[in-house]
Amino acid sequence: MKIAFTSCMNFKPGPDGYQHVWNRIAQEQPDYLFLLGDQIYMDFFPNLGEPSKWDTAKFADVMQGKYEAQWSVPNFKALRDALRQRQDNGGGVYGTWDDHDFAWNNAHGSDVKPPVKQASRNLFTRYMQIAQLNNPAHLDPATDGIYYSIPLMHQQQRIGRAIFLDTRWYSTNPGDASPLLGQKQLDYLKQELAAEQGYIVICAGTPIRATGNGWMRYRDDYAKFRAIIQNRNVIFLTGDIHENAFLPPAGETKMFEIVSSGAFVTKYYLTGERENFGILEYTPASTDIKLFDRHGLELHNVIDNTTFMHREIR
C-alpha cells in the first residue's frame, strides 16, 4: 500500500499550465492521495483575513472560483481521476481542510458565521467528493464539520483504517479549556479506534507538535486525544507549515507526526515554489516514509511495524 500525502496549494499554474508536483507524485504510483488542508487559499499575504469582510454570496462565489481553477490544472485532474477509479478497490482521493480552505488565515469555527461555514462545507464536500462516501452518515450537514474514516487496503486485504479529523469547524480561540476537536468528534475517534485493531493512520490539517500554533494550545482537548490513542501505534499525517517534518513519538504516546506541506505554494517569495510531498509505503514488516522537496528526496525514515522503532536512511 502506498499513500501520497501533501497540502497547501495556492493556485498558479506553471508556464506550461501544469503544477509539476503532481507529475512527480504520479511517478510514485500511489494507491491513495491524501490532501491535508489548504487545497485552495481564500487569502494569502498581504491580504490575510480579507474574506472575513465579505457577505456569504461573495465568499461562496470566490471560493468556487478558486476550486475551479485548482481542480482544472490538467495534471492534478489526471492524477485525481486515475486514483478515483480505485475509490472502491483499495485506493482513492481523500482529505481534510485547514484554515485557508475552511475560511481564511487562522480562522476558527467560532470566528465564522454559520451561513459562511455552510457554504464552505458544501463546496469542500463537492470538490473533494466527500458526499460519495457512506462513512459520513454520522454527520449532520446543518451543524457538523467533516470527519470520517476509510478502510486501508494492502494487496486487496483490509489492514486498518485512516481517520480524517476536522481541526477547524468546532474550534475556538486557543486556551486550556477551549475546544479544538470538540467532544462529539473525540467520541467518534474513540469509537473508531475501539472498532479497529489493525493499522492506524490519523490525518488532520493542523499539526500537533510541528508548529507553535498547533494542538498543544488546547490543553484539555489535546489531553483527551492523547488518552484515546495512548496505547496505540499511530501514524499522524498533517500539513500547514509549508515544510516537511518527521517527528518521532514523544511523551507517553506511540505516535509519529509526519508533515508534508507546500505542494504548490511559496514559503518565502525568494525561495519559489516548494513542490513538497510525502510517500508512506506500507508492508507487513515496516512503514517506509519518504519526504520530497523540489530538489528530490529530503527525508527518509523506516518504521518497524512490530517494535514501532524507526531508523533514518541517509
Protein backbone atom coordinates (compact mmCIF):
# COMPACT_ATOMS: atom_id res chain seq x y z
CA MET A 1 0.00 0.00 0.00
CA LYS A 2 1.31 3.39 -0.94
CA ILE A 3 -0.15 6.72 0.23
CA ALA A 4 0.92 10.04 -1.29
CA PHE A 5 0.17 12.95 1.02
CA THR A 6 0.60 16.69 0.75
CA SER A 7 -1.06 20.04 1.49
CA CYS A 8 -1.08 23.75 0.64
CA MET A 9 -1.87 24.60 -2.98
CA ASN A 10 -2.06 28.33 -3.81
CA PHE A 11 -3.26 28.21 -7.41
CA LYS A 12 -0.84 29.45 -10.02
CA PRO A 13 0.00 27.12 -12.90
CA GLY A 14 3.50 26.89 -14.25
CA PRO A 15 4.39 28.40 -17.62
CA ASP A 16 3.02 25.33 -19.39
CA GLY A 17 -0.21 25.28 -17.36
CA TYR A 18 0.96 22.43 -15.11
CA GLN A 19 1.98 22.10 -11.47
CA HIS A 20 4.80 19.62 -11.79
CA VAL A 21 4.49 18.26 -8.26
CA TRP A 22 1.53 16.15 -9.47
CA ASN A 23 3.66 14.54 -12.18
CA ARG A 24 6.24 13.67 -9.55
CA ILE A 25 3.57 12.16 -7.29
CA ALA A 26 2.10 10.18 -10.20
CA GLN A 27 5.54 8.71 -10.93
CA GLU A 28 5.50 7.19 -7.43
CA GLN A 29 2.38 5.21 -8.45
CA PRO A 30 0.45 5.71 -5.18
CA ASP A 31 -2.73 3.87 -4.32
CA TYR A 32 -4.09 6.80 -2.33
CA LEU A 33 -3.75 10.59 -2.43
CA PHE A 34 -4.40 12.36 0.88
CA LEU A 35 -4.86 16.15 0.62
CA LEU A 36 -4.34 17.56 4.10
CA GLY A 37 -5.61 21.11 4.05
CA ASP A 38 -5.28 24.43 2.23
CA GLN A 39 -6.28 22.84 -1.05
CA ILE A 40 -7.10 26.43 -2.03
CA TYR A 41 -6.13 29.73 -0.45
CA MET A 42 -9.01 32.08 0.23
CA ASP A 43 -6.42 34.63 1.34
CA PHE A 44 -2.67 35.00 1.07
CA PHE A 45 -0.16 37.61 2.17
CA PRO A 46 -0.58 40.63 2.03
CA ASN A 47 -4.39 40.22 2.05
CA LEU A 48 -4.75 37.91 5.04
CA GLY A 49 -8.21 37.94 6.60
CA GLU A 50 -9.90 39.81 3.76
CA PRO A 51 -12.64 37.16 3.20
CA SER A 52 -13.89 37.79 6.75
CA LYS A 53 -15.32 41.08 5.47
CA TRP A 54 -17.36 39.52 2.64
CA ASP A 55 -21.02 38.51 2.68
CA THR A 56 -21.92 34.87 2.14
CA ALA A 57 -22.68 35.22 -1.56
CA LYS A 58 -19.32 36.79 -2.38
CA PHE A 59 -17.47 34.32 -0.16
CA ALA A 60 -19.11 31.34 -1.89
CA ASP A 61 -18.55 32.79 -5.37
CA VAL A 62 -14.85 33.47 -4.76
CA MET A 63 -14.33 30.07 -3.12
CA GLN A 64 -15.97 28.23 -6.01
CA GLY A 65 -13.77 30.11 -8.47
CA LYS A 66 -10.65 29.09 -6.58
CA TYR A 67 -11.71 25.44 -6.54
CA GLU A 68 -12.49 25.55 -10.26
CA ALA A 69 -9.06 27.00 -11.02
CA GLN A 70 -7.11 24.44 -8.95
CA TRP A 71 -9.27 21.47 -9.91
CA SER A 72 -8.80 22.32 -13.61
CA VAL A 73 -4.99 22.08 -13.55
CA PRO A 74 -4.55 19.27 -16.12
CA ASN A 75 -2.05 17.04 -14.35
CA PHE A 76 -3.76 17.48 -10.97
CA LYS A 77 -7.03 16.44 -12.60
CA ALA A 78 -5.37 13.47 -14.32
CA LEU A 79 -3.95 12.19 -11.02
CA ARG A 80 -7.28 12.61 -9.23
CA ASP A 81 -9.22 10.91 -11.99
CA ALA A 82 -6.83 7.96 -12.11
CA LEU A 83 -6.96 7.37 -8.35
CA ARG A 84 -10.71 7.91 -8.06
CA GLN A 85 -11.21 4.90 -10.34
CA ARG A 86 -9.80 2.88 -7.44
CA GLN A 87 -12.01 4.51 -4.79
CA ASP A 88 -13.90 1.30 -4.04
CA ASN A 89 -10.99 -1.08 -4.56
CA GLY A 90 -8.07 -0.11 -2.32
CA GLY A 91 -7.24 3.44 -3.30
CA GLY A 92 -8.69 6.87 -3.96
CA VAL A 93 -8.51 10.55 -3.08
CA TYR A 94 -9.40 11.76 0.41
CA GLY A 95 -8.65 14.72 2.61
CA THR A 96 -9.45 17.30 5.21
CA TRP A 97 -9.27 21.09 5.39
CA ASP A 98 -7.31 23.72 7.26
CA ASP A 99 -7.77 27.45 7.75
CA HIS A 100 -7.32 28.78 4.20
CA ASP A 101 -9.78 26.38 2.59
CA PHE A 102 -12.14 26.47 5.57
CA ALA A 103 -12.48 30.26 5.71
CA TRP A 104 -9.38 32.48 5.99
CA ASN A 105 -5.99 32.71 7.69
CA ASN A 106 -6.05 31.32 11.25
CA ALA A 107 -9.87 31.12 11.21
CA HIS A 108 -11.54 29.15 13.98
CA GLY A 109 -15.05 27.82 13.70
CA SER A 110 -16.26 30.34 16.25
CA ASP A 111 -14.98 33.19 14.03
CA VAL A 112 -17.09 32.24 11.02
CA LYS A 113 -20.80 32.93 10.65
CA PRO A 114 -22.98 29.83 10.15
CA PRO A 115 -24.02 30.65 6.54
CA VAL A 116 -20.37 31.09 5.53
CA LYS A 117 -19.40 27.84 7.28
CA GLN A 118 -22.20 26.06 5.45
CA ALA A 119 -21.11 27.47 2.07
CA SER A 120 -17.54 26.34 2.77
CA ARG A 121 -18.70 22.89 3.85
CA ASN A 122 -20.85 22.46 0.75
CA LEU A 123 -18.02 23.36 -1.62
CA PHE A 124 -15.41 21.25 0.16
CA THR A 125 -17.78 18.29 0.13
CA ARG A 126 -18.50 18.76 -3.57
CA TYR A 127 -14.96 19.14 -4.84
CA MET A 128 -13.41 16.55 -2.54
CA GLN A 129 -16.39 14.26 -3.30
CA ILE A 130 -16.92 13.51 0.38
CA ALA A 131 -20.63 13.01 -0.28
CA GLN A 132 -19.78 9.83 -2.22
CA LEU A 133 -18.54 8.18 0.97
CA ASN A 134 -21.03 6.22 3.05
CA ASN A 135 -18.99 6.86 6.18
CA PRO A 136 -20.05 10.48 6.97
CA ALA A 137 -23.65 9.38 7.62
CA HIS A 138 -22.93 10.14 11.29
CA LEU A 139 -22.63 13.85 10.42
CA ASP A 140 -25.47 16.40 10.31
CA PRO A 141 -24.76 18.71 7.33
CA ALA A 142 -26.59 21.54 9.08
CA THR A 143 -24.45 21.55 12.22
CA ASP A 144 -21.38 19.33 11.85
CA GLY A 145 -17.97 19.71 10.32
CA ILE A 146 -16.36 16.93 8.30
CA TYR A 147 -14.66 13.95 9.90
CA TYR A 148 -14.73 10.36 8.70
CA SER A 149 -12.70 7.20 8.22
CA ILE A 150 -11.86 4.90 5.32
CA PRO A 151 -10.56 1.32 5.21
CA LEU A 152 -6.94 0.89 4.18
CA MET A 153 -6.18 -1.93 1.77
CA HIS A 154 -2.92 -3.74 1.00
CA GLN A 155 -2.89 -6.28 -1.81
CA GLN A 156 -6.70 -6.41 -1.71
CA GLN A 157 -6.70 -7.21 2.01
CA ARG A 158 -8.01 -4.81 4.63
CA ILE A 159 -5.18 -3.84 7.02
CA GLY A 160 -6.68 -0.97 9.05
CA ARG A 161 -8.16 2.46 8.59
CA ALA A 162 -7.34 6.11 8.02
CA ILE A 163 -9.25 8.62 10.14
CA PHE A 164 -9.64 12.21 8.92
CA LEU A 165 -10.22 14.80 11.64
CA ASP A 166 -11.57 18.35 11.48
CA THR A 167 -9.50 20.88 13.46
CA ARG A 168 -11.41 23.97 12.27
CA TRP A 169 -15.21 23.63 12.44
CA TYR A 170 -15.52 23.16 16.21
CA SER A 171 -12.52 25.22 17.32
CA THR A 172 -12.47 28.50 19.20
CA ASN A 173 -9.60 30.80 20.14
CA PRO A 174 -6.81 28.78 21.80
CA GLY A 175 -6.99 28.22 25.53
CA ASP A 176 -6.64 25.43 28.07
CA ALA A 177 -10.36 24.64 28.09
CA SER A 178 -11.12 25.76 24.53
CA PRO A 179 -12.36 23.12 22.07
CA LEU A 180 -10.26 22.08 19.09
CA LEU A 181 -11.93 18.82 18.07
CA GLY A 182 -14.96 19.03 20.31
CA GLN A 183 -16.45 16.24 22.40
CA LYS A 184 -18.58 14.70 19.64
CA GLN A 185 -15.56 14.30 17.37
CA LEU A 186 -13.43 12.94 20.23
CA ASP A 187 -16.15 10.38 20.96
CA TYR A 188 -16.14 9.42 17.27
CA LEU A 189 -12.36 8.95 17.30
CA LYS A 190 -12.60 6.76 20.40
CA GLN A 191 -15.31 4.66 18.75
CA GLU A 192 -13.31 4.25 15.52
CA LEU A 193 -10.18 3.14 17.36
CA ALA A 194 -12.13 0.73 19.54
CA ALA A 195 -13.50 -0.91 16.39
CA GLU A 196 -10.10 -1.21 14.69
CA GLN A 197 -7.24 -3.45 15.83
CA GLY A 198 -5.18 -3.01 12.67
CA TYR A 199 -3.00 -0.31 11.14
CA ILE A 200 -3.97 3.27 12.08
CA VAL A 201 -3.33 6.50 10.18
CA ILE A 202 -4.83 9.72 11.56
CA CYS A 203 -4.94 12.82 9.34
CA ALA A 204 -5.61 16.46 10.18
CA GLY A 205 -4.90 19.86 8.68
CA THR A 206 -3.35 21.33 11.82
CA PRO A 207 -0.06 19.88 13.14
CA ILE A 208 0.32 18.84 16.76
CA ARG A 209 3.96 19.48 17.71
CA ALA A 210 5.46 20.69 14.44
CA THR A 211 4.33 24.27 14.99
CA GLY A 212 3.77 26.63 17.90
CA ASN A 213 0.24 27.14 16.58
CA GLY A 214 -0.72 23.50 16.98
CA TRP A 215 -2.81 21.30 19.22
CA MET A 216 -0.87 21.90 22.44
CA ARG A 217 -2.51 25.32 22.80
CA TYR A 218 -5.74 23.39 23.50
CA ARG A 219 -4.68 21.63 26.70
CA ASP A 220 -7.88 19.77 27.55
CA ASP A 221 -8.76 18.51 24.07
CA TYR A 222 -5.14 17.52 23.45
CA ALA A 223 -5.07 15.60 26.74
CA LYS A 224 -8.28 13.77 25.78
CA PHE A 225 -6.80 12.94 22.37
CA ARG A 226 -3.63 11.54 23.96
CA ALA A 227 -5.69 9.42 26.35
CA ILE A 228 -7.64 7.96 23.43
CA ILE A 229 -4.55 6.99 21.40
CA GLN A 230 -2.20 6.29 24.32
CA ASN A 231 -1.71 2.56 23.79
CA ARG A 232 -1.99 2.52 20.00
CA ASN A 233 0.64 2.67 17.28
CA VAL A 234 -0.42 5.68 15.23
CA ILE A 235 0.91 7.42 12.14
CA PHE A 236 -0.30 11.05 12.18
CA LEU A 237 -0.18 12.86 8.82
CA THR A 238 -0.61 16.62 8.58
CA GLY A 239 0.33 19.78 6.68
CA ASP A 240 0.00 23.58 7.11
CA ILE A 241 3.58 24.78 7.71
CA HIS A 242 4.98 24.81 4.12
CA GLU A 243 7.74 22.45 5.20
CA ASN A 244 8.33 18.73 5.57
CA ALA A 245 8.97 17.25 9.02
CA PHE A 246 9.31 13.86 10.71
CA LEU A 247 8.73 13.81 14.49
CA PRO A 248 9.17 10.52 16.41
CA PRO A 249 6.87 9.69 19.35
CA ALA A 250 7.14 11.91 22.40
CA GLY A 251 5.86 11.62 25.95
CA GLU A 252 3.58 8.69 26.68
CA THR A 253 2.21 8.30 23.14
CA LYS A 254 3.32 5.94 20.39
CA MET A 255 2.57 8.34 17.55
CA PHE A 256 4.78 9.52 14.71
CA GLU A 257 3.87 13.01 13.46
CA ILE A 258 4.74 13.42 9.78
CA VAL A 259 4.27 16.68 7.90
CA SER A 260 4.28 17.33 4.18
CA SER A 261 3.25 20.86 3.32
CA GLY A 262 3.85 23.10 0.34
CA ALA A 263 2.68 21.16 -2.71
CA PHE A 264 2.37 24.34 -4.71
CA VAL A 265 2.97 27.44 -2.64
CA THR A 266 5.85 29.72 -1.73
CA LYS A 267 7.37 29.59 1.74
CA TYR A 268 9.11 32.90 1.20
CA TYR A 269 8.91 34.88 -2.02
CA LEU A 270 12.62 34.46 -2.77
CA THR A 271 12.60 30.66 -2.49
CA GLY A 272 9.98 29.96 -5.14
CA GLU A 273 7.57 27.03 -5.29
CA ARG A 274 8.02 24.26 -2.76
CA GLU A 275 6.81 21.04 -4.50
CA ASN A 276 6.74 19.19 -1.17
CA PHE A 277 5.02 15.84 -0.84
CA GLY A 278 5.33 12.62 1.14
CA ILE A 279 5.07 8.92 0.37
CA LEU A 280 4.03 6.39 3.02
CA GLU A 281 4.67 2.84 1.80
CA TYR A 282 3.32 0.03 3.98
CA THR A 283 4.45 -3.59 4.04
CA PRO A 284 3.52 -6.02 6.84
CA ALA A 285 7.05 -5.63 8.27
CA SER A 286 7.62 -1.88 8.02
CA THR A 287 6.39 1.57 7.05
CA ASP A 288 8.68 3.48 4.73
CA ILE A 289 8.34 7.29 4.93
CA LYS A 290 9.88 9.45 2.21
CA LEU A 291 9.52 13.24 2.20
CA PHE A 292 10.34 15.09 -1.01
CA ASP A 293 11.02 18.73 -1.81
CA ARG A 294 11.67 20.39 -5.17
CA HIS A 295 15.25 19.09 -5.15
CA GLY A 296 14.29 15.44 -4.60
CA LEU A 297 14.30 13.17 -1.56
CA GLU A 298 14.69 15.28 1.59
CA LEU A 299 13.99 12.89 4.50
CA HIS A 300 13.76 9.09 4.61
CA ASN A 301 12.80 7.01 7.65
CA VAL A 302 11.71 3.40 8.12
CA ILE A 303 9.40 2.40 10.99
CA ASP A 304 9.37 -1.21 12.16
CA ASN A 305 5.69 -2.13 12.43
CA THR A 306 6.30 -4.61 15.27
CA THR A 307 8.57 -2.60 17.57
CA PHE A 308 7.42 0.80 16.27
CA MET A 309 11.02 1.96 16.38
CA HIS A 310 12.44 3.89 13.45
CA ARG A 311 15.74 4.37 11.70
CA GLU A 312 16.78 7.21 9.45
CA ILE A 313 18.10 6.32 5.99
CA ARG A 314 20.87 8.70 4.92
